[in-house]
Amino acid sequence: MTFERIADGSFRTMMGVKPSDVPAILTKAGADILGSNCGNGTRDMIPILKEFRSANPDIPLIIQGNAGVPKYLEGKTVFMESPEETASFIPELIRNNVNIIGGCCGTTPEHIRLIRREVNKF
């Protein structure tokens, strides 16, 4: 699932679905794992993960954030979240019981290496 932050600071899909509503809908449809990817940097994946977890404490969850929210600068799409910044949010994802962590748009091998370094600490 991909979510965007709306005016009140919460997150919704493009169809207006809250992260806390997703587990019931998708598990009823047969999903064995849920998650969020793209659209947000790693920091914004934390509240999404927390909402998933509050609605279903048991289902496996995957989080794959972008290397930040993309910006269009001088004719190029740029992702501003450094590998170090991405890695700094990994402990919080783990403390909130994420099962799989990856990267989406803008992540590089260095992002993944530093994510792995943080995962190995747990």
PDB file of N, CA and C in Angstrom:
ATOM      1  N   MET A   1       0.845  -1.176   0.000  1.00  0.00           N
ATOM      2  CA  MET A   1       0.000   0.000   0.000  1.00  0.00           C
ATOM      3  C   MET A   1       0.889   1.237   0.000  1.00  0.00           C
ATOM      4  N   THR A   2       0.435   2.241  -0.680  1.00  0.00           N
ATOM      5  CA  THR A   2       1.124   3.524  -0.694  1.00  0.00           C
ATOM      6  C   THR A   2       0.192   4.567  -0.080  1.00  0.00           C
ATOM      7  N   PHE A   3       0.749   5.363   0.806  1.00  0.00           N
ATOM      8  CA  PHE A   3      -0.023   6.370   1.527  1.00  0.00           C
ATOM      9  C   PHE A   3       0.595   7.738   1.327  1.00  0.00           C
ATOM     10  N   GLU A   4      -0.251   8.752   1.416  1.00  0.00           N
ATOM     11  CA  GLU A   4       0.263  10.113   1.397  1.00  0.00           C
ATOM     12  C   GLU A   4      -0.270  10.853   2.612  1.00  0.00           C
ATOM     13  N   ARG A   5       0.529  11.801   3.079  1.00  0.00           N
ATOM     14  CA  ARG A   5       0.126  12.619   4.230  1.00  0.00           C
ATOM     15  C   ARG A   5      -0.919  13.626   3.754  1.00  0.00           C
ATOM     16  N   ILE A   6      -2.006  13.735   4.515  1.00  0.00           N
ATOM     17  CA  ILE A   6      -3.040  14.712   4.172  1.00  0.00           C
ATOM     18  C   ILE A   6      -2.935  15.910   5.112  1.00  0.00           C
ATOM     19  N   ALA A   7      -3.798  16.887   4.921  1.00  0.00           N
ATOM     20  CA  ALA A   7      -3.698  18.173   5.619  1.00  0.00           C
ATOM     21  C   ALA A   7      -3.664  18.054   7.141  1.00  0.00           C
ATOM     22  N   ASP A   8      -4.376  17.098   7.714  1.00  0.00           N
ATOM     23  CA  ASP A   8      -4.392  16.974   9.175  1.00  0.00           C
ATOM     24  C   ASP A   8      -3.187  16.213   9.727  1.00  0.00           C
ATOM     25  N   GLY A   9      -2.274  15.798   8.836  1.00  0.00           N
ATOM     26  CA  GLY A   9      -1.062  15.100   9.254  1.00  0.00           C
ATOM     27  C   GLY A   9      -1.175  13.588   9.249  1.00  0.00           C
ATOM     28  N   SER A  10      -2.372  13.081   9.032  1.00  0.00           N
ATOM     29  CA  SER A  10      -2.547  11.629   8.975  1.00  0.00           C
ATOM     30  C   SER A  10      -2.255  11.132   7.556  1.00  0.00           C
ATOM     31  N   PHE A  11      -2.341   9.835   7.370  1.00  0.00           N
ATOM     32  CA  PHE A  11      -2.025   9.236   6.076  1.00  0.00           C
ATOM     33  C   PHE A  11      -3.251   8.537   5.510  1.00  0.00           C
ATOM     34  N   ARG A  12      -3.363   8.584   4.185  1.00  0.00           N
ATOM     35  CA  ARG A  12      -4.459   7.922   3.462  1.00  0.00           C
ATOM     36  C   ARG A  12      -3.931   7.412   2.121  1.00  0.00           C
ATOM     37  N   THR A  13      -4.601   6.368   1.618  1.00  0.00           N
ATOM     38  CA  THR A  13      -4.339   5.953   0.241  1.00  0.00           C
ATOM     39  C   THR A  13      -4.984   6.977  -0.681  1.00  0.00           C
ATOM     40  N   MET A  14      -4.745   6.852  -1.956  1.00  0.00           N
ATOM     41  CA  MET A  14      -5.382   7.773  -2.903  1.00  0.00           C
ATOM     42  C   MET A  14      -6.906   7.631  -2.902  1.00  0.00           C
ATOM     43  N   MET A  15      -7.404   6.522  -2.373  1.00  0.00           N
ATOM     44  CA  MET A  15      -8.847   6.316  -2.265  1.00  0.00           C
ATOM     45  C   MET A  15      -9.381   6.693  -0.885  1.00  0.00           C
ATOM     46  N   GLY A  16      -8.510   7.238  -0.012  1.00  0.00           N
ATOM     47  CA  GLY A  16      -8.943   7.720   1.293  1.00  0.00           C
ATOM     48  C   GLY A  16      -8.924   6.699   2.415  1.00  0.00           C
ATOM     49  N   VAL A  17      -8.298   5.543   2.194  1.00  0.00           N
ATOM     50  CA  VAL A  17      -8.258   4.497   3.210  1.00  0.00           C
ATOM     51  C   VAL A  17      -7.134   4.770   4.204  1.00  0.00           C
ATOM     52  N   LYS A  18      -7.448   4.667   5.499  1.00  0.00           N
ATOM     53  CA  LYS A  18      -6.465   4.860   6.567  1.00  0.00           C
ATOM     54  C   LYS A  18      -5.629   3.595   6.738  1.00  0.00           C
ATOM     55  N   PRO A  19      -4.361   3.735   7.132  1.00  0.00           N
ATOM     56  CA  PRO A  19      -3.557   2.535   7.391  1.00  0.00           C
ATOM     57  C   PRO A  19      -4.196   1.593   8.405  1.00  0.00           C
ATOM     58  N   SER A  20      -4.885   2.126   9.398  1.00  0.00           N
ATOM     59  CA  SER A  20      -5.507   1.268  10.410  1.00  0.00           C
ATOM     60  C   SER A  20      -6.663   0.438   9.857  1.00  0.00           C
ATOM     61  N   ASP A  21      -7.216   0.839   8.705  1.00  0.00           N
ATOM     62  CA  ASP A  21      -8.302   0.075   8.084  1.00  0.00           C
ATOM     63  C   ASP A  21      -7.800  -1.028   7.158  1.00  0.00           C
ATOM     64  N   VAL A  22      -6.570  -0.926   6.736  1.00  0.00           N
ATOM     65  CA  VAL A  22      -6.024  -1.849   5.736  1.00  0.00           C
ATOM     66  C   VAL A  22      -5.942  -3.301   6.218  1.00  0.00           C
ATOM     67  N   PRO A  23      -5.435  -3.583   7.428  1.00  0.00           N
ATOM     68  CA  PRO A  23      -5.305  -4.990   7.816  1.00  0.00           C
ATOM     69  C   PRO A  23      -6.604  -5.791   7.732  1.00  0.00           C
ATOM     70  N   ALA A  24      -7.686  -5.264   8.231  1.00  0.00           N
ATOM     71  CA  ALA A  24      -8.956  -6.009   8.189  1.00  0.00           C
ATOM     72  C   ALA A  24      -9.409  -6.239   6.753  1.00  0.00           C
ATOM     73  N   ILE A  25      -9.295  -5.224   5.923  1.00  0.00           N
ATOM     74  CA  ILE A  25      -9.739  -5.339   4.530  1.00  0.00           C
ATOM     75  C   ILE A  25      -8.914  -6.372   3.781  1.00  0.00           C
ATOM     76  N   LEU A  26      -7.587  -6.265   3.906  1.00  0.00           N
ATOM     77  CA  LEU A  26      -6.733  -7.132   3.095  1.00  0.00           C
ATOM     78  C   LEU A  26      -6.605  -8.542   3.649  1.00  0.00           C
ATOM     79  N   THR A  27      -6.658  -8.721   4.959  1.00  0.00           N
ATOM     80  CA  THR A  27      -6.627 -10.094   5.475  1.00  0.00           C
ATOM     81  C   THR A  27      -7.926 -10.820   5.114  1.00  0.00           C
ATOM     82  N   LYS A  28      -9.027 -10.099   5.113  1.00  0.00           N
ATOM     83  CA  LYS A  28     -10.301 -10.710   4.689  1.00  0.00           C
ATOM     84  C   LYS A  28     -10.218 -11.151   3.223  1.00  0.00           C
ATOM     85  N   ALA A  29      -9.455 -10.409   2.433  1.00  0.00           N
ATOM     86  CA  ALA A  29      -9.277 -10.753   1.016  1.00  0.00           C
ATOM     87  C   ALA A  29      -8.224 -11.850   0.810  1.00  0.00           C
ATOM     88  N   GLY A  30      -7.544 -12.258   1.914  1.00  0.00           N
ATOM     89  CA  GLY A  30      -6.604 -13.363   1.810  1.00  0.00           C
ATOM     90  C   GLY A  30      -5.130 -13.015   1.926  1.00  0.00           C
ATOM     91  N   ALA A  31      -4.811 -11.762   2.212  1.00  0.00           N
ATOM     92  CA  ALA A  31      -3.403 -11.366   2.323  1.00  0.00           C
ATOM     93  C   ALA A  31      -2.747 -12.057   3.515  1.00  0.00           C
ATOM     94  N   ASP A  32      -1.520 -12.515   3.304  1.00  0.00           N
ATOM     95  CA  ASP A  32      -0.734 -13.137   4.365  1.00  0.00           C
ATOM     96  C   ASP A  32       0.304 -12.187   4.941  1.00  0.00           C
ATOM     97  N   ILE A  33       0.577 -11.105   4.244  1.00  0.00           N
ATOM     98  CA  ILE A  33       1.556 -10.104   4.655  1.00  0.00           C
ATOM     99  C   ILE A  33       1.057  -8.754   4.158  1.00  0.00           C
ATOM    100  N   LEU A  34       1.310  -7.705   4.925  1.00  0.00           N
ATOM    101  CA  LEU A  34       0.900  -6.355   4.549  1.00  0.00           C
ATOM    102  C   LEU A  34       2.103  -5.438   4.594  1.00  0.00           C
ATOM    103  N   GLY A  35       1.975  -4.304   3.952  1.00  0.00           N
ATOM    104  CA  GLY A  35       3.055  -3.344   4.057  1.00  0.00           C
ATOM    105  C   GLY A  35       2.787  -2.069   3.304  1.00  0.00           C
ATOM    106  N   SER A  36       3.815  -1.236   3.364  1.00  0.00           N
ATOM    107  CA  SER A  36       3.766   0.043   2.665  1.00  0.00           C
ATOM    108  C   SER A  36       5.096   0.249   1.963  1.00  0.00           C
ATOM    109  N   ASN A  37       5.008   0.771   0.764  1.00  0.00           N
ATOM    110  CA  ASN A  37       6.202   1.132   0.019  1.00  0.00           C
ATOM    111  C   ASN A  37       5.930   2.398  -0.768  1.00  0.00           C
ATOM    112  N   CYS A  38       6.993   3.034  -1.141  1.00  0.00           N
ATOM    113  CA  CYS A  38       6.966   4.192  -2.029  1.00  0.00           C
ATOM    114  C   CYS A  38       6.195   5.370  -1.427  1.00  0.00           C
ATOM    115  N   GLY A  39       6.352   6.505  -2.051  1.00  0.00           N
ATOM    116  CA  GLY A  39       5.585   7.681  -1.663  1.00  0.00           C
ATOM    117  C   GLY A  39       6.092   8.450  -0.464  1.00  0.00           C
ATOM    118  N   ASN A  40       6.799   7.778   0.430  1.00  0.00           N
ATOM    119  CA  ASN A  40       7.260   8.405   1.662  1.00  0.00           C
ATOM    120  C   ASN A  40       8.698   8.006   1.948  1.00  0.00           C
ATOM    121  N   GLY A  41       9.369   8.852   2.682  1.00  0.00           N
ATOM    122  CA  GLY A  41      10.666   8.478   3.209  1.00  0.00           C
ATOM    123  C   GLY A  41      10.492   7.559   4.407  1.00  0.00           C
ATOM    124  N   THR A  42      11.582   7.080   4.922  1.00  0.00           N
ATOM    125  CA  THR A  42      11.541   6.114   6.014  1.00  0.00           C
ATOM    126  C   THR A  42      10.905   6.693   7.268  1.00  0.00           C
ATOM    127  N   ARG A  43      11.161   7.946   7.581  1.00  0.00           N
ATOM    128  CA  ARG A  43      10.565   8.572   8.774  1.00  0.00           C
ATOM    129  C   ARG A  43       9.041   8.471   8.745  1.00  0.00           C
ATOM    130  N   ASP A  44       8.433   8.755   7.608  1.00  0.00           N
ATOM    131  CA  ASP A  44       6.970   8.729   7.535  1.00  0.00           C
ATOM    132  C   ASP A  44       6.402   7.325   7.487  1.00  0.00           C
ATOM    133  N   MET A  45       7.241   6.336   7.306  1.00  0.00           N
ATOM    134  CA  MET A  45       6.754   4.956   7.357  1.00  0.00           C
ATOM    135  C   MET A  45       6.481   4.516   8.794  1.00  0.00           C
ATOM    136  N   ILE A  46       7.096   5.172   9.761  1.00  0.00           N
ATOM    137  CA  ILE A  46       6.923   4.775  11.163  1.00  0.00           C
ATOM    138  C   ILE A  46       5.470   4.923  11.621  1.00  0.00           C
ATOM    139  N   PRO A  47       4.807   6.082  11.427  1.00  0.00           N
ATOM    140  CA  PRO A  47       3.402   6.154  11.863  1.00  0.00           C
ATOM    141  C   PRO A  47       2.488   5.225  11.069  1.00  0.00           C
ATOM    142  N   ILE A  48       2.820   4.970   9.820  1.00  0.00           N
ATOM    143  CA  ILE A  48       2.024   4.025   9.018  1.00  0.00           C
ATOM    144  C   ILE A  48       2.154   2.632   9.625  1.00  0.00           C
ATOM    145  N   LEU A  49       3.373   2.227   9.923  1.00  0.00           N
ATOM    146  CA  LEU A  49       3.612   0.926  10.554  1.00  0.00           C
ATOM    147  C   LEU A  49       2.863   0.826  11.877  1.00  0.00           C
ATOM    148  N   LYS A  50       2.910   1.870  12.682  1.00  0.00           N
ATOM    149  CA  LYS A  50       2.223   1.858  13.981  1.00  0.00           C
ATOM    150  C   LYS A  50       0.718   1.665  13.806  1.00  0.00           C
ATOM    151  N   GLU A  51       0.150   2.302  12.792  1.00  0.00           N
ATOM    152  CA  GLU A  51      -1.292   2.126  12.543  1.00  0.00           C
ATOM    153  C   GLU A  51      -1.612   0.702  12.113  1.00  0.00           C
ATOM    154  N   PHE A  52      -0.790   0.152  11.221  1.00  0.00           N
ATOM    155  CA  PHE A  52      -0.979  -1.252  10.832  1.00  0.00           C
ATOM    156  C   PHE A  52      -0.951  -2.139  12.074  1.00  0.00           C
ATOM    157  N   ARG A  53       0.080  -1.952  12.893  1.00  0.00           N
ATOM    158  CA  ARG A  53       0.290  -2.791  14.077  1.00  0.00           C
ATOM    159  C   ARG A  53      -0.846  -2.642  15.081  1.00  0.00           C
ATOM    160  N   SER A  54      -1.350  -1.422  15.248  1.00  0.00           N
ATOM    161  CA  SER A  54      -2.449  -1.236  16.212  1.00  0.00           C
ATOM    162  C   SER A  54      -3.707  -1.971  15.763  1.00  0.00           C
ATOM    163  N   ALA A  55      -3.872  -2.113  14.471  1.00  0.00           N
ATOM    164  CA  ALA A  55      -5.052  -2.791  13.935  1.00  0.00           C
ATOM    165  C   ALA A  55      -4.877  -4.308  13.879  1.00  0.00           C
ATOM    166  N   ASN A  56      -3.636  -4.757  13.741  1.00  0.00           N
ATOM    167  CA  ASN A  56      -3.371  -6.195  13.684  1.00  0.00           C
ATOM    168  C   ASN A  56      -1.963  -6.449  14.218  1.00  0.00           C
ATOM    169  N   PRO A  57      -1.854  -6.895  15.459  1.00  0.00           N
ATOM    170  CA  PRO A  57      -0.532  -7.077  16.056  1.00  0.00           C
ATOM    171  C   PRO A  57       0.222  -8.304  15.551  1.00  0.00           C
ATOM    172  N   ASP A  58      -0.434  -9.160  14.775  1.00  0.00           N
ATOM    173  CA  ASP A  58       0.172 -10.444  14.422  1.00  0.00           C
ATOM    174  C   ASP A  58       0.615 -10.607  12.975  1.00  0.00           C
ATOM    175  N   ILE A  59      -0.004  -9.906  12.056  1.00  0.00           N
ATOM    176  CA  ILE A  59       0.307 -10.141  10.638  1.00  0.00           C
ATOM    177  C   ILE A  59       1.725  -9.662  10.319  1.00  0.00           C
ATOM    178  N   PRO A  60       2.463 -10.399   9.504  1.00  0.00           N
ATOM    179  CA  PRO A  60       3.783  -9.924   9.076  1.00  0.00           C
ATOM    180  C   PRO A  60       3.654  -8.618   8.283  1.00  0.00           C
ATOM    181  N   LEU A  61       4.581  -7.697   8.550  1.00  0.00           N
ATOM    182  CA  LEU A  61       4.562  -6.387   7.900  1.00  0.00           C
ATOM    183  C   LEU A  61       5.893  -6.088   7.221  1.00  0.00           C
ATOM    184  N   ILE A  62       5.798  -5.503   6.042  1.00  0.00           N
ATOM    185  CA  ILE A  62       6.965  -5.072   5.283  1.00  0.00           C
ATOM    186  C   ILE A  62       6.896  -3.558   5.088  1.00  0.00           C
ATOM    187  N   ILE A  63       8.033  -2.913   5.246  1.00  0.00           N
ATOM    188  CA  ILE A  63       8.138  -1.468   5.012  1.00  0.00           C
ATOM    189  C   ILE A  63       9.289  -1.233   4.045  1.00  0.00           C
ATOM    190  N   GLN A  64       9.018  -0.498   2.980  1.00  0.00           N
ATOM    191  CA  GLN A  64      10.015  -0.161   1.975  1.00  0.00           C
ATOM    192  C   GLN A  64       9.854   1.308   1.604  1.00  0.00           C
ATOM    193  N   GLY A  65      10.499   2.174   2.361  1.00  0.00           N
ATOM    194  CA  GLY A  65      10.393   3.604   2.105  1.00  0.00           C
ATOM    195  C   GLY A  65      11.280   4.048   0.961  1.00  0.00           C
ATOM    196  N   ASN A  66      10.910   5.167   0.397  1.00  0.00           N
ATOM    197  CA  ASN A  66      11.795   5.844  -0.561  1.00  0.00           C
ATOM    198  C   ASN A  66      12.968   6.442   0.195  1.00  0.00           C
ATOM    199  N   ALA A  67      13.939   6.881  -0.542  1.00  0.00           N
ATOM    200  CA  ALA A  67      15.037   7.656   0.053  1.00  0.00           C
ATOM    201  C   ALA A  67      14.564   9.104   0.159  1.00  0.00           C
ATOM    202  N   GLY A  68      13.465   9.290   0.879  1.00  0.00           N
ATOM    203  CA  GLY A  68      12.850  10.598   1.018  1.00  0.00           C
ATOM    204  C   GLY A  68      11.780  10.832  -0.029  1.00  0.00           C
ATOM    205  N   VAL A  69      11.020  11.871   0.169  1.00  0.00           N
ATOM    206  CA  VAL A  69       9.998  12.260  -0.809  1.00  0.00           C
ATOM    207  C   VAL A  69      10.725  12.886  -1.995  1.00  0.00           C
ATOM    208  N   PRO A  70      10.428  12.436  -3.204  1.00  0.00           N
ATOM    209  CA  PRO A  70      11.167  12.960  -4.350  1.00  0.00           C
ATOM    210  C   PRO A  70      10.908  14.443  -4.592  1.00  0.00           C
ATOM    211  N   LYS A  71      11.958  15.108  -5.070  1.00  0.00           N
ATOM    212  CA  LYS A  71      11.864  16.510  -5.483  1.00  0.00           C
ATOM    213  C   LYS A  71      12.359  16.599  -6.912  1.00  0.00           C
ATOM    214  N   TYR A  72      11.766  17.491  -7.649  1.00  0.00           N
ATOM    215  CA  TYR A  72      12.186  17.706  -9.026  1.00  0.00           C
ATOM    216  C   TYR A  72      13.057  18.957  -9.050  1.00  0.00           C
ATOM    217  N   LEU A  73      14.354  18.767  -9.262  1.00  0.00           N
ATOM    218  CA  LEU A  73      15.312  19.870  -9.240  1.00  0.00           C
ATOM    219  C   LEU A  73      16.143  19.870 -10.519  1.00  0.00           C
ATOM    220  N   GLU A  74      16.156  20.995 -11.178  1.00  0.00           N
ATOM    221  CA  GLU A  74      16.970  21.179 -12.383  1.00  0.00           C
ATOM    222  C   GLU A  74      16.774  20.047 -13.394  1.00  0.00           C
ATOM    223  N   GLY A  75      15.510  19.673 -13.585  1.00  0.00           N
ATOM    224  CA  GLY A  75      15.179  18.672 -14.591  1.00  0.00           C
ATOM    225  C   GLY A  75      15.404  17.229 -14.172  1.00  0.00           C
ATOM    226  N   LYS A  76      15.690  16.988 -12.884  1.00  0.00           N
ATOM    227  CA  LYS A  76      15.934  15.633 -12.415  1.00  0.00           C
ATOM    228  C   LYS A  76      15.131  15.354 -11.152  1.00  0.00           C
ATOM    229  N   THR A  77      14.728  14.115 -10.997  1.00  0.00           N
ATOM    230  CA  THR A  77      14.097  13.675  -9.761  1.00  0.00           C
ATOM    231  C   THR A  77      15.204  13.327  -8.784  1.00  0.00           C
ATOM    232  N   VAL A  78      15.135  13.937  -7.596  1.00  0.00           N
ATOM    233  CA  VAL A  78      16.178  13.771  -6.591  1.00  0.00           C
ATOM    234  C   VAL A  78      15.531  13.273  -5.300  1.00  0.00           C
ATOM    235  N   PHE A  79      16.201  12.319  -4.665  1.00  0.00           N
ATOM    236  CA  PHE A  79      15.757  11.792  -3.369  1.00  0.00           C
ATOM    237  C   PHE A  79      16.756  12.258  -2.328  1.00  0.00           C
ATOM    238  N   MET A  80      16.286  13.009  -1.345  1.00  0.00           N
ATOM    239  CA  MET A  80      17.162  13.729  -0.432  1.00  0.00           C
ATOM    240  C   MET A  80      17.556  12.951   0.834  1.00  0.00           C
ATOM    241  N   GLU A  81      16.950  11.806   1.091  1.00  0.00           N
ATOM    242  CA  GLU A  81      17.254  11.056   2.303  1.00  0.00           C
ATOM    243  C   GLU A  81      18.553  10.269   2.106  1.00  0.00           C
ATOM    244  N   SER A  82      19.565  10.628   2.851  1.00  0.00           N
ATOM    245  CA  SER A  82      20.867   9.965   2.742  1.00  0.00           C
ATOM    246  C   SER A  82      20.788   8.546   3.311  1.00  0.00           C
ATOM    247  N   PRO A  83      21.730   7.701   2.964  1.00  0.00           N
ATOM    248  CA  PRO A  83      21.769   6.364   3.577  1.00  0.00           C
ATOM    249  C   PRO A  83      21.824   6.428   5.103  1.00  0.00           C
ATOM    250  N   GLU A  84      22.568   7.373   5.642  1.00  0.00           N
ATOM    251  CA  GLU A  84      22.664   7.508   7.095  1.00  0.00           C
ATOM    252  C   GLU A  84      21.328   7.906   7.717  1.00  0.00           C
ATOM    253  N   GLU A  85      20.616   8.815   7.054  1.00  0.00           N
ATOM    254  CA  GLU A  85      19.309   9.220   7.568  1.00  0.00           C
ATOM    255  C   GLU A  85      18.331   8.051   7.527  1.00  0.00           C
ATOM    256  N   THR A  86      18.295   7.341   6.415  1.00  0.00           N
ATOM    257  CA  THR A  86      17.439   6.158   6.325  1.00  0.00           C
ATOM    258  C   THR A  86      17.747   5.207   7.471  1.00  0.00           C
ATOM    259  N   ALA A  87      19.022   4.898   7.659  1.00  0.00           N
ATOM    260  CA  ALA A  87      19.433   3.946   8.697  1.00  0.00           C
ATOM    261  C   ALA A  87      19.038   4.405  10.093  1.00  0.00           C
ATOM    262  N   SER A  88      18.981   5.701  10.314  1.00  0.00           N
ATOM    263  CA  SER A  88      18.660   6.207  11.646  1.00  0.00           C
ATOM    264  C   SER A  88      17.230   5.862  12.074  1.00  0.00           C
ATOM    265  N   PHE A  89      16.352   5.571  11.131  1.00  0.00           N
ATOM    266  CA  PHE A  89      14.962   5.247  11.450  1.00  0.00           C
ATOM    267  C   PHE A  89      14.710   3.750  11.604  1.00  0.00           C
ATOM    268  N   ILE A  90      15.678   2.932  11.264  1.00  0.00           N
ATOM    269  CA  ILE A  90      15.490   1.480  11.301  1.00  0.00           C
ATOM    270  C   ILE A  90      15.222   0.964  12.710  1.00  0.00           C
ATOM    271  N   PRO A  91      15.945   1.417  13.746  1.00  0.00           N
ATOM    272  CA  PRO A  91      15.609   0.920  15.088  1.00  0.00           C
ATOM    273  C   PRO A  91      14.154   1.158  15.487  1.00  0.00           C
ATOM    274  N   GLU A  92      13.599   2.289  15.104  1.00  0.00           N
ATOM    275  CA  GLU A  92      12.191   2.575  15.435  1.00  0.00           C
ATOM    276  C   GLU A  92      11.252   1.627  14.693  1.00  0.00           C
ATOM    277  N   LEU A  93      11.563   1.307  13.447  1.00  0.00           N
ATOM    278  CA  LEU A  93      10.755   0.321  12.723  1.00  0.00           C
ATOM    279  C   LEU A  93      10.811  -1.032  13.431  1.00  0.00           C
ATOM    280  N   ILE A  94      12.005  -1.428  13.834  1.00  0.00           N
ATOM    281  CA  ILE A  94      12.166  -2.718  14.506  1.00  0.00           C
ATOM    282  C   ILE A  94      11.434  -2.723  15.847  1.00  0.00           C
ATOM    283  N   ARG A  95      11.542  -1.645  16.603  1.00  0.00           N
ATOM    284  CA  ARG A  95      10.835  -1.564  17.896  1.00  0.00           C
ATOM    285  C   ARG A  95       9.316  -1.645  17.725  1.00  0.00           C
ATOM    286  N   ASN A  96       8.838  -1.315  16.537  1.00  0.00           N
ATOM    287  CA  ASN A  96       7.403  -1.384  16.258  1.00  0.00           C
ATOM    288  C   ASN A  96       7.034  -2.642  15.472  1.00  0.00           C
ATOM    289  N   ASN A  97       7.920  -3.624  15.553  1.00  0.00           N
ATOM    290  CA  ASN A  97       7.644  -4.982  15.070  1.00  0.00           C
ATOM    291  C   ASN A  97       7.469  -5.131  13.565  1.00  0.00           C
ATOM    292  N   VAL A  98       8.271  -4.408  12.810  1.00  0.00           N
ATOM    293  CA  VAL A  98       8.313  -4.666  11.377  1.00  0.00           C
ATOM    294  C   VAL A  98       8.981  -6.024  11.170  1.00  0.00           C
ATOM    295  N   ASN A  99       8.592  -6.733  10.121  1.00  0.00           N
ATOM    296  CA  ASN A  99       9.178  -8.041   9.848  1.00  0.00           C
ATOM    297  C   ASN A  99      10.176  -8.020   8.698  1.00  0.00           C
ATOM    298  N   ILE A 100       9.933  -7.165   7.726  1.00  0.00           N
ATOM    299  CA  ILE A 100      10.801  -7.067   6.556  1.00  0.00           C
ATOM    300  C   ILE A 100      11.027  -5.584   6.271  1.00  0.00           C
ATOM    301  N   ILE A 101      12.271  -5.205   6.031  1.00  0.00           N
ATOM    302  CA  ILE A 101      12.606  -3.823   5.708  1.00  0.00           C
ATOM    303  C   ILE A 101      13.349  -3.810   4.390  1.00  0.00           C
ATOM    304  N   GLY A 102      12.943  -2.913   3.521  1.00  0.00           N
ATOM    305  CA  GLY A 102      13.630  -2.760   2.245  1.00  0.00           C
ATOM    306  C   GLY A 102      13.671  -1.303   1.862  1.00  0.00           C
ATOM    307  N   GLY A 103      13.886  -1.069   0.585  1.00  0.00           N
ATOM    308  CA  GLY A 103      13.927   0.290   0.080  1.00  0.00           C
ATOM    309  C   GLY A 103      13.201   0.373  -1.242  1.00  0.00           C
ATOM    310  N   CYS A 104      12.670   1.525  -1.526  1.00  0.00           N
ATOM    311  CA  CYS A 104      11.975   1.757  -2.789  1.00  0.00           C
ATOM    312  C   CYS A 104      12.732   2.844  -3.542  1.00  0.00           C
ATOM    313  N   CYS A 105      12.018   3.703  -4.192  1.00  0.00           N
ATOM    314  CA  CYS A 105      12.617   4.691  -5.094  1.00  0.00           C
ATOM    315  C   CYS A 105      13.722   5.497  -4.423  1.00  0.00           C
ATOM    316  N   GLY A 106      14.823   5.630  -5.127  1.00  0.00           N
ATOM    317  CA  GLY A 106      15.927   6.451  -4.669  1.00  0.00           C
ATOM    318  C   GLY A 106      16.900   5.748  -3.742  1.00  0.00           C
ATOM    319  N   THR A 107      16.537   4.554  -3.248  1.00  0.00           N
ATOM    320  CA  THR A 107      17.485   3.856  -2.388  1.00  0.00           C
ATOM    321  C   THR A 107      18.607   3.274  -3.240  1.00  0.00           C
ATOM    322  N   THR A 108      19.767   3.243  -2.653  1.00  0.00           N
ATOM    323  CA  THR A 108      20.970   2.776  -3.331  1.00  0.00           C
ATOM    324  C   THR A 108      21.525   1.572  -2.584  1.00  0.00           C
ATOM    325  N   PRO A 109      22.518   0.910  -3.149  1.00  0.00           N
ATOM    326  CA  PRO A 109      23.163  -0.170  -2.391  1.00  0.00           C
ATOM    327  C   PRO A 109      23.681   0.299  -1.030  1.00  0.00           C
ATOM    328  N   GLU A 110      24.107   1.545  -0.929  1.00  0.00           N
ATOM    329  CA  GLU A 110      24.585   2.059   0.359  1.00  0.00           C
ATOM    330  C   GLU A 110      23.437   2.189   1.364  1.00  0.00           C
ATOM    331  N   HIS A 111      22.272   2.605   0.905  1.00  0.00           N
ATOM    332  CA  HIS A 111      21.098   2.635   1.795  1.00  0.00           C
ATOM    333  C   HIS A 111      20.852   1.230   2.355  1.00  0.00           C
ATOM    334  N   ILE A 112      20.821   0.255   1.472  1.00  0.00           N
ATOM    335  CA  ILE A 112      20.527  -1.118   1.877  1.00  0.00           C
ATOM    336  C   ILE A 112      21.618  -1.646   2.810  1.00  0.00           C
ATOM    337  N   ARG A 113      22.866  -1.339   2.533  1.00  0.00           N
ATOM    338  CA  ARG A 113      23.959  -1.780   3.397  1.00  0.00           C
ATOM    339  C   ARG A 113      23.790  -1.229   4.813  1.00  0.00           C
ATOM    340  N   LEU A 114      23.435   0.060   4.917  1.00  0.00           N
ATOM    341  CA  LEU A 114      23.273   0.666   6.245  1.00  0.00           C
ATOM    342  C   LEU A 114      22.002   0.190   6.942  1.00  0.00           C
ATOM    343  N   ILE A 115      20.953  -0.099   6.177  1.00  0.00           N
ATOM    344  CA  ILE A 115      19.760  -0.721   6.766  1.00  0.00           C
ATOM    345  C   ILE A 115      20.163  -2.055   7.386  1.00  0.00           C
ATOM    346  N   ARG A 116      20.894  -2.838   6.624  1.00  0.00           N
ATOM    347  CA  ARG A 116      21.330  -4.162   7.121  1.00  0.00           C
ATOM    348  C   ARG A 116      22.190  -4.023   8.370  1.00  0.00           C
ATOM    349  N   ARG A 117      23.065  -3.044   8.381  1.00  0.00           N
ATOM    350  CA  ARG A 117      23.913  -2.816   9.554  1.00  0.00           C
ATOM    351  C   ARG A 117      23.048  -2.586  10.796  1.00  0.00           C
ATOM    352  N   GLU A 118      21.997  -1.789  10.665  1.00  0.00           N
ATOM    353  CA  GLU A 118      21.106  -1.517  11.795  1.00  0.00           C
ATOM    354  C   GLU A 118      20.324  -2.753  12.197  1.00  0.00           C
ATOM    355  N   VAL A 119      19.833  -3.501  11.218  1.00  0.00           N
ATOM    356  CA  VAL A 119      19.093  -4.734  11.509  1.00  0.00           C
ATOM    357  C   VAL A 119      19.970  -5.709  12.283  1.00  0.00           C
ATOM    358  N   ASN A 120      21.228  -5.799  11.912  1.00  0.00           N
ATOM    359  CA  ASN A 120      22.144  -6.732  12.572  1.00  0.00           C
ATOM    360  C   ASN A 120      22.367  -6.405  14.047  1.00  0.00           C
ATOM    361  N   LYS A 121      22.060  -5.212  14.464  1.00  0.00           N
ATOM    362  CA  LYS A 121      22.225  -4.832  15.868  1.00  0.00           C
ATOM    363  C   LYS A 121      21.158  -5.428  16.770  1.00  0.00           C
ATOM    364  N   PHE A 122      20.090  -5.953  16.167  1.00  0.00           N
ATOM    365  CA  PHE A 122      18.960  -6.460  16.954  1.00  0.00           C
ATOM    366  C   PHE A 122      18.956  -7.972  17.043  1.00  0.00           C
TER     367      PHE A 122
END
